[in-house]
Protein backbone atom coordinates (compact mmCIF):
# COMPACT_ATOMS: atom_id res chain seq x y z
CA UNK A 1 -23.09 15.87 -49.08
CA UNK A 2 -25.41 16.85 -51.76
CA UNK A 3 -29.21 15.97 -51.67
CA UNK A 4 -32.03 17.34 -53.42
CA UNK A 5 -35.80 16.48 -52.56
CA UNK A 6 -37.79 14.66 -54.82
CA UNK A 7 -41.38 14.10 -54.68
CA UNK A 8 -41.13 14.61 -50.97
CA UNK A 9 -37.76 12.30 -50.45
CA UNK A 10 -34.47 13.38 -49.75
CA UNK A 11 -32.38 12.05 -52.14
CA UNK A 12 -28.33 11.89 -52.24
CA UNK A 13 -26.24 11.97 -55.26
CA UNK A 14 -22.48 12.34 -56.19
CA UNK A 15 -21.19 14.26 -58.96
CA UNK A 16 -17.68 14.16 -60.37
CA UNK A 17 -15.89 14.59 -64.02
CA UNK A 18 -16.64 16.86 -66.33
CA UNK A 19 -18.22 16.53 -70.15
CA UNK A 20 -21.24 14.68 -71.43
CA UNK A 21 -23.73 13.21 -68.40
CA UNK A 22 -23.81 9.76 -67.44
CA UNK A 23 -26.32 8.53 -64.88
CA UNK A 24 -25.99 5.96 -62.79
CA UNK A 25 -28.60 3.67 -61.50
CA UNK A 26 -27.74 1.50 -59.08
CA UNK A 27 -29.87 -2.18 -58.32
CA UNK A 28 -31.77 -3.37 -55.49
CA UNK A 29 -29.84 -3.33 -51.86
CA UNK A 30 -26.92 -1.36 -52.65
CA UNK A 31 -26.09 2.35 -53.15
CA UNK A 32 -24.04 4.86 -55.20
CA UNK A 33 -21.39 3.27 -53.94
CA UNK A 34 -22.18 -0.03 -56.19
CA UNK A 35 -20.14 1.80 -58.82
CA UNK A 36 -17.11 2.91 -56.80
CA UNK A 37 -14.59 0.63 -58.95
CA UNK A 38 -15.60 2.59 -62.34
CA UNK A 39 -17.02 5.86 -61.52
CA UNK A 40 -13.45 7.63 -61.03
CA UNK A 41 -12.32 5.78 -64.81
CA UNK A 42 -15.93 7.51 -65.82
CA UNK A 43 -15.39 10.96 -64.93
CA UNK A 44 -12.24 11.32 -66.80
CA UNK A 45 -14.48 11.67 -69.72
CA UNK A 46 -17.73 12.33 -68.20
CA UNK A 47 -20.11 14.13 -66.53
CA UNK A 48 -20.87 11.35 -63.75
CA UNK A 49 -24.24 11.66 -61.47
CA UNK A 50 -24.82 8.52 -59.15
CA UNK A 51 -27.43 8.33 -56.43
CA UNK A 52 -28.73 6.08 -53.70
CA UNK A 53 -32.53 4.82 -54.76
CA UNK A 54 -35.19 6.11 -52.42
CA UNK A 55 -34.82 4.06 -48.81
CA UNK A 56 -31.34 3.12 -49.29
CA UNK A 57 -28.57 4.33 -47.61
CA UNK A 58 -28.43 8.51 -47.65
CA UNK A 59 -31.81 8.94 -49.45
CA UNK A 60 -34.85 9.36 -47.24
CA UNK A 61 -37.27 6.66 -46.79
CA UNK A 62 -40.30 6.92 -48.72
CA UNK A 63 -43.30 7.63 -46.50
CA UNK A 64 -44.88 4.15 -48.26
CA UNK A 65 -43.87 1.25 -49.67
CA UNK A 66 -42.03 1.47 -52.93
CA UNK A 67 -42.59 0.90 -56.40
CA UNK A 68 -40.86 1.06 -59.44
CA UNK A 69 -43.05 3.85 -60.33
CA UNK A 70 -41.45 5.92 -57.50
CA UNK A 71 -38.12 5.33 -58.60
CA UNK A 72 -39.07 6.18 -61.71
CA UNK A 73 -40.46 9.35 -60.75
CA UNK A 74 -37.26 10.06 -58.61
CA UNK A 75 -34.67 9.59 -61.53
CA UNK A 76 -36.68 11.89 -64.02
CA UNK A 77 -37.05 14.11 -61.68
CA UNK A 78 -33.37 14.19 -60.73
CA UNK A 79 -32.32 14.79 -64.28
CA UNK A 80 -34.99 17.73 -64.25
CA UNK A 81 -33.57 19.19 -60.91
CA UNK A 82 -29.85 19.19 -61.88
CA UNK A 83 -30.44 20.38 -65.48
CA UNK A 84 -28.65 17.82 -67.62
CA UNK A 85 -30.41 17.02 -70.75
CA UNK A 86 -30.54 13.49 -72.58
CA UNK A 87 -28.19 12.09 -70.16
CA UNK A 88 -26.72 8.83 -70.94
CA UNK A 89 -28.46 6.24 -68.06
CA UNK A 90 -26.79 3.59 -66.93
CA UNK A 91 -29.12 0.67 -65.20
CA UNK A 92 -28.06 -2.41 -63.43
CA UNK A 93 -30.13 -5.10 -62.47
CA UNK A 94 -33.36 -3.38 -60.60
CA UNK A 95 -32.06 -0.06 -61.67
CA UNK A 96 -31.72 -1.41 -65.35
CA UNK A 97 -35.85 -1.85 -64.91
CA UNK A 98 -36.41 1.55 -63.40
CA UNK A 99 -34.35 3.09 -66.62
CA UNK A 100 -36.67 1.08 -69.09
CA UNK A 101 -39.84 1.82 -67.25
CA UNK A 102 -38.44 5.71 -67.16
CA UNK A 103 -37.58 4.70 -70.58
CA UNK A 104 -41.35 4.19 -71.48
CA UNK A 105 -43.00 6.96 -70.12
CA UNK A 106 -40.66 9.67 -71.00
CA UNK A 107 -38.66 8.40 -74.06
CA UNK A 108 -37.26 12.16 -74.78
CA UNK A 109 -35.76 12.39 -71.31
CA UNK A 110 -32.46 10.06 -71.87
CA UNK A 111 -30.35 9.94 -75.34
CA UNK A 112 -29.23 6.58 -74.41
CA UNK A 113 -29.07 3.87 -72.08
CA UNK A 114 -27.06 0.82 -71.14
CA UNK A 115 -28.80 -2.12 -69.03
CA UNK A 116 -27.26 -5.16 -67.51
CA UNK A 117 -29.85 -8.16 -66.81
CA UNK A 118 -32.73 -6.07 -65.49
CA UNK A 119 -35.17 -9.16 -63.60
CA UNK A 120 -38.24 -8.48 -65.63
CA UNK A 121 -39.36 -12.44 -65.32
CA UNK A 122 -42.34 -11.62 -66.10
CA UNK A 123 -41.60 -11.06 -69.87
CA UNK A 124 -40.38 -14.84 -70.27
CA UNK A 125 -43.24 -16.40 -68.61
CA UNK A 126 -44.74 -18.04 -71.91
CA UNK A 127 -41.47 -18.97 -73.15
CA UNK A 128 -40.54 -23.39 -72.60
CA UNK A 129 -37.80 -23.65 -70.15
CA UNK A 130 -37.10 -20.44 -68.92
CA UNK A 131 -40.58 -19.25 -67.69
CA UNK A 132 -40.29 -22.34 -65.77
CA UNK A 133 -36.95 -21.19 -64.67
CA UNK A 134 -38.23 -17.51 -64.19
CA UNK A 135 -41.01 -18.49 -62.21
CA UNK A 136 -38.67 -21.27 -59.99
CA UNK A 137 -36.62 -18.00 -59.42
CA UNK A 138 -39.48 -15.50 -58.12
CA UNK A 139 -40.87 -18.41 -55.50
CA UNK A 140 -38.01 -18.25 -54.53
CA UNK A 141 -37.72 -14.92 -53.70
CA UNK A 142 -41.21 -14.89 -52.35
CA UNK A 143 -40.88 -18.41 -49.45
CA UNK A 144 -37.73 -18.08 -48.42
CA UNK A 145 -36.01 -15.16 -48.80
CA UNK A 146 -38.78 -12.18 -47.99
CA UNK A 147 -39.81 -14.63 -44.75
CA UNK A 148 -36.34 -14.23 -43.30
CA UNK A 149 -36.29 -10.81 -43.57
CA UNK A 150 -39.82 -10.27 -42.59
CA UNK A 151 -38.90 -12.05 -39.54
CA UNK A 152 -36.09 -9.77 -38.61
CA UNK A 153 -33.01 -12.50 -40.00
CA UNK A 154 -32.03 -9.93 -42.04
CA UNK A 155 -28.23 -11.29 -42.40
CA UNK A 156 -29.71 -14.42 -42.97
CA UNK A 157 -31.71 -13.10 -45.79
CA UNK A 158 -29.26 -10.59 -46.82
CA UNK A 159 -26.53 -13.71 -47.46
CA UNK A 160 -29.27 -16.17 -48.83
CA UNK A 161 -29.73 -13.12 -51.62
CA UNK A 162 -25.95 -13.04 -52.29
CA UNK A 163 -25.57 -16.33 -52.52
CA UNK A 164 -28.37 -17.52 -54.76
CA UNK A 165 -29.19 -14.69 -56.35
CA UNK A 166 -26.64 -11.29 -56.76
CA UNK A 167 -23.48 -13.15 -56.96
CA UNK A 168 -23.13 -17.11 -56.51
CA UNK A 169 -22.41 -19.40 -53.89
CA UNK A 170 -20.29 -18.67 -51.02
CA UNK A 171 -20.07 -14.67 -52.30
CA UNK A 172 -21.31 -13.75 -49.28
CA UNK A 173 -18.29 -14.80 -46.84
CA UNK A 174 -15.58 -13.20 -49.59
CA UNK A 175 -17.60 -10.03 -49.87
CA UNK A 176 -15.99 -6.68 -47.72
CA UNK A 177 -17.85 -5.74 -44.69
CA UNK A 178 -18.43 -2.14 -46.09
CA UNK A 179 -20.18 -3.98 -48.45
CA UNK A 180 -22.07 -6.21 -46.10
CA UNK A 181 -23.23 -3.81 -44.15
CA UNK A 182 -25.06 -1.75 -46.93
CA UNK A 183 -26.63 -4.70 -48.34
CA UNK A 184 -27.57 -5.14 -44.61
CA UNK A 185 -29.23 -1.79 -43.86
CA UNK A 186 -31.06 -1.54 -47.14
CA UNK A 187 -32.25 -4.92 -47.04
CA UNK A 188 -36.10 -4.23 -46.49
CA UNK A 189 -36.49 -1.86 -49.35
CA UNK A 190 -36.51 -5.71 -51.51
CA UNK A 191 -39.76 -6.61 -49.97
CA UNK A 192 -41.43 -3.29 -51.28
CA UNK A 193 -40.15 -3.64 -54.52
CA UNK A 194 -41.57 -7.39 -55.06
CA UNK A 195 -44.93 -6.02 -53.85
CA UNK A 196 -45.12 -3.62 -56.96
CA UNK A 197 -47.15 -5.62 -58.86
CA UNK A 198 -45.60 -4.10 -61.93
CA UNK A 199 -42.30 -5.32 -61.21
CA UNK A 200 -41.41 -7.96 -63.20
CA UNK A 201 -42.91 -6.58 -65.92
CA UNK A 202 -41.92 -3.67 -69.10
CA UNK A 203 -44.07 -2.42 -71.83
CA UNK A 204 -42.51 -3.34 -75.08
CA UNK A 205 -45.29 -1.01 -77.15
CA UNK A 206 -44.11 2.02 -75.44
CA UNK A 207 -40.69 1.38 -75.24
CA UNK A 208 -40.33 1.31 -78.97
CA UNK A 209 -41.24 4.96 -79.07
CA UNK A 210 -37.60 5.64 -78.17
CA UNK A 211 -35.41 6.17 -80.60
CA UNK A 212 -31.50 6.72 -78.74
CA UNK A 213 -28.83 4.02 -78.31
CA UNK A 214 -29.49 1.19 -76.56
CA UNK A 215 -26.83 -1.17 -75.15
CA UNK A 216 -27.55 -4.16 -73.29
CA UNK A 217 -25.33 -6.29 -71.48
CA UNK A 218 -25.20 -10.14 -69.83
CA UNK A 219 -23.06 -12.50 -68.87
CA UNK A 220 -21.71 -15.93 -68.60
CA UNK A 221 -21.97 -16.58 -65.08
CA UNK A 222 -25.57 -15.54 -64.45
CA UNK A 223 -28.74 -17.45 -64.19
CA UNK A 224 -29.91 -18.81 -68.21
CA UNK A 225 -33.06 -16.68 -67.80
CA UNK A 226 -31.61 -13.12 -68.02
CA UNK A 227 -30.19 -13.69 -71.87
CA UNK A 228 -33.91 -14.20 -73.32
CA UNK A 229 -35.13 -11.34 -70.83
CA UNK A 230 -32.29 -8.89 -72.06
CA UNK A 231 -32.84 -10.06 -75.78
CA UNK A 232 -36.96 -9.73 -75.61
CA UNK A 233 -36.14 -6.71 -74.64
CA UNK A 234 -33.80 -5.52 -77.19
CA UNK A 235 -35.69 -6.66 -79.73
CA UNK A 236 -37.87 -3.73 -78.77
CA UNK A 237 -35.50 -0.99 -79.46
CA UNK A 238 -34.43 -0.06 -83.50
CA UNK A 239 -30.90 0.89 -82.37
CA UNK A 240 -30.07 -1.94 -79.81
CA UNK A 241 -26.80 -4.15 -79.01
CA UNK A 242 -25.86 -6.73 -77.50
CA UNK A 243 -22.91 -7.66 -75.71
CA UNK A 244 -22.08 -10.85 -73.41
CA UNK A 245 -19.57 -10.26 -70.40
CA UNK A 246 -17.08 -13.66 -70.74
CA UNK A 247 -16.87 -14.76 -67.08
CA UNK A 248 -18.48 -11.61 -65.11
CA UNK A 249 -22.13 -12.11 -63.30
CA UNK A 250 -24.94 -10.03 -62.00
CA UNK A 251 -22.37 -6.74 -61.63
CA UNK A 252 -19.82 -6.88 -63.47
CA UNK A 253 -18.90 -3.09 -62.56
CA UNK A 254 -18.22 -4.43 -59.62
CA UNK A 255 -16.84 -7.38 -60.04
CA UNK A 256 -14.75 -7.03 -63.61
CA UNK A 257 -14.60 -3.51 -63.74
CA UNK A 258 -12.11 -3.83 -66.58
CA UNK A 259 -14.15 -5.39 -68.64
CA UNK A 260 -17.45 -3.18 -67.92
CA UNK A 261 -15.27 -0.26 -68.95
CA UNK A 262 -14.16 -2.01 -72.26
CA UNK A 263 -17.66 -2.67 -73.04
CA UNK A 264 -19.33 0.74 -72.03
CA UNK A 265 -16.53 3.24 -72.35
CA UNK A 266 -16.40 2.50 -76.56
CA UNK A 267 -19.92 2.84 -76.29
CA UNK A 268 -20.50 6.49 -74.10
CA UNK A 269 -17.67 7.96 -76.99
CA UNK A 270 -19.53 7.19 -79.99
CA UNK A 271 -22.94 8.31 -78.70
CA UNK A 272 -21.47 10.90 -77.46
CA UNK A 273 -19.88 12.38 -80.36
């Protein structure tokens, strides 16, 4: 199993396929297996790199509470260590946040990006209606889910996250046990993410320095505050396009892999030529 020591952390990764490089950045609670439903198809045309973020599954724990900028350090260091030049980075949820923060810090490191629903709730707090909903969700995190995790009620807190945030009501009971186990095992990385004072915002002015293609996606079966977040961030990019997945939710690559591939593969082919 390949690993790299990056920034004092053991980072596990998998690499498959040949062609232009793409890096898959998973969201909170998950790991590289989040991409299992789409990675084989992507690998028919691309050099697919997916990894477990610090503290998640097979990657080593962080010596201090995690912060988004540390995940940015790891993403940029992995790209550099594997000597892949300006890959396309595909980030889902908090993985999208990490990818955007990497673009803001080092716009020359990535050639193009694909971002699905980053939970950057701090970007819409001033929008009537939307801001109130985003703030309510953040309070739900802090008041309901985090206390369960910190009280050792890991499965209960994880179930609440899946059913009220990630997938939707009743989803926990439909998940394969392996996915449940991954969520439970990685649950305590999430409070660390929320303690990062910059977790919910990104520097729009810094994003404007990125001149590569950017695909932003949202979905009809997700919380209504995601489209305004995506639209506000996409407006900072000169070469952005927006697509909405019909019927999908927060993790379309896992729940609607064919729909995901129908959207993402044409974009990858276009930017790789």
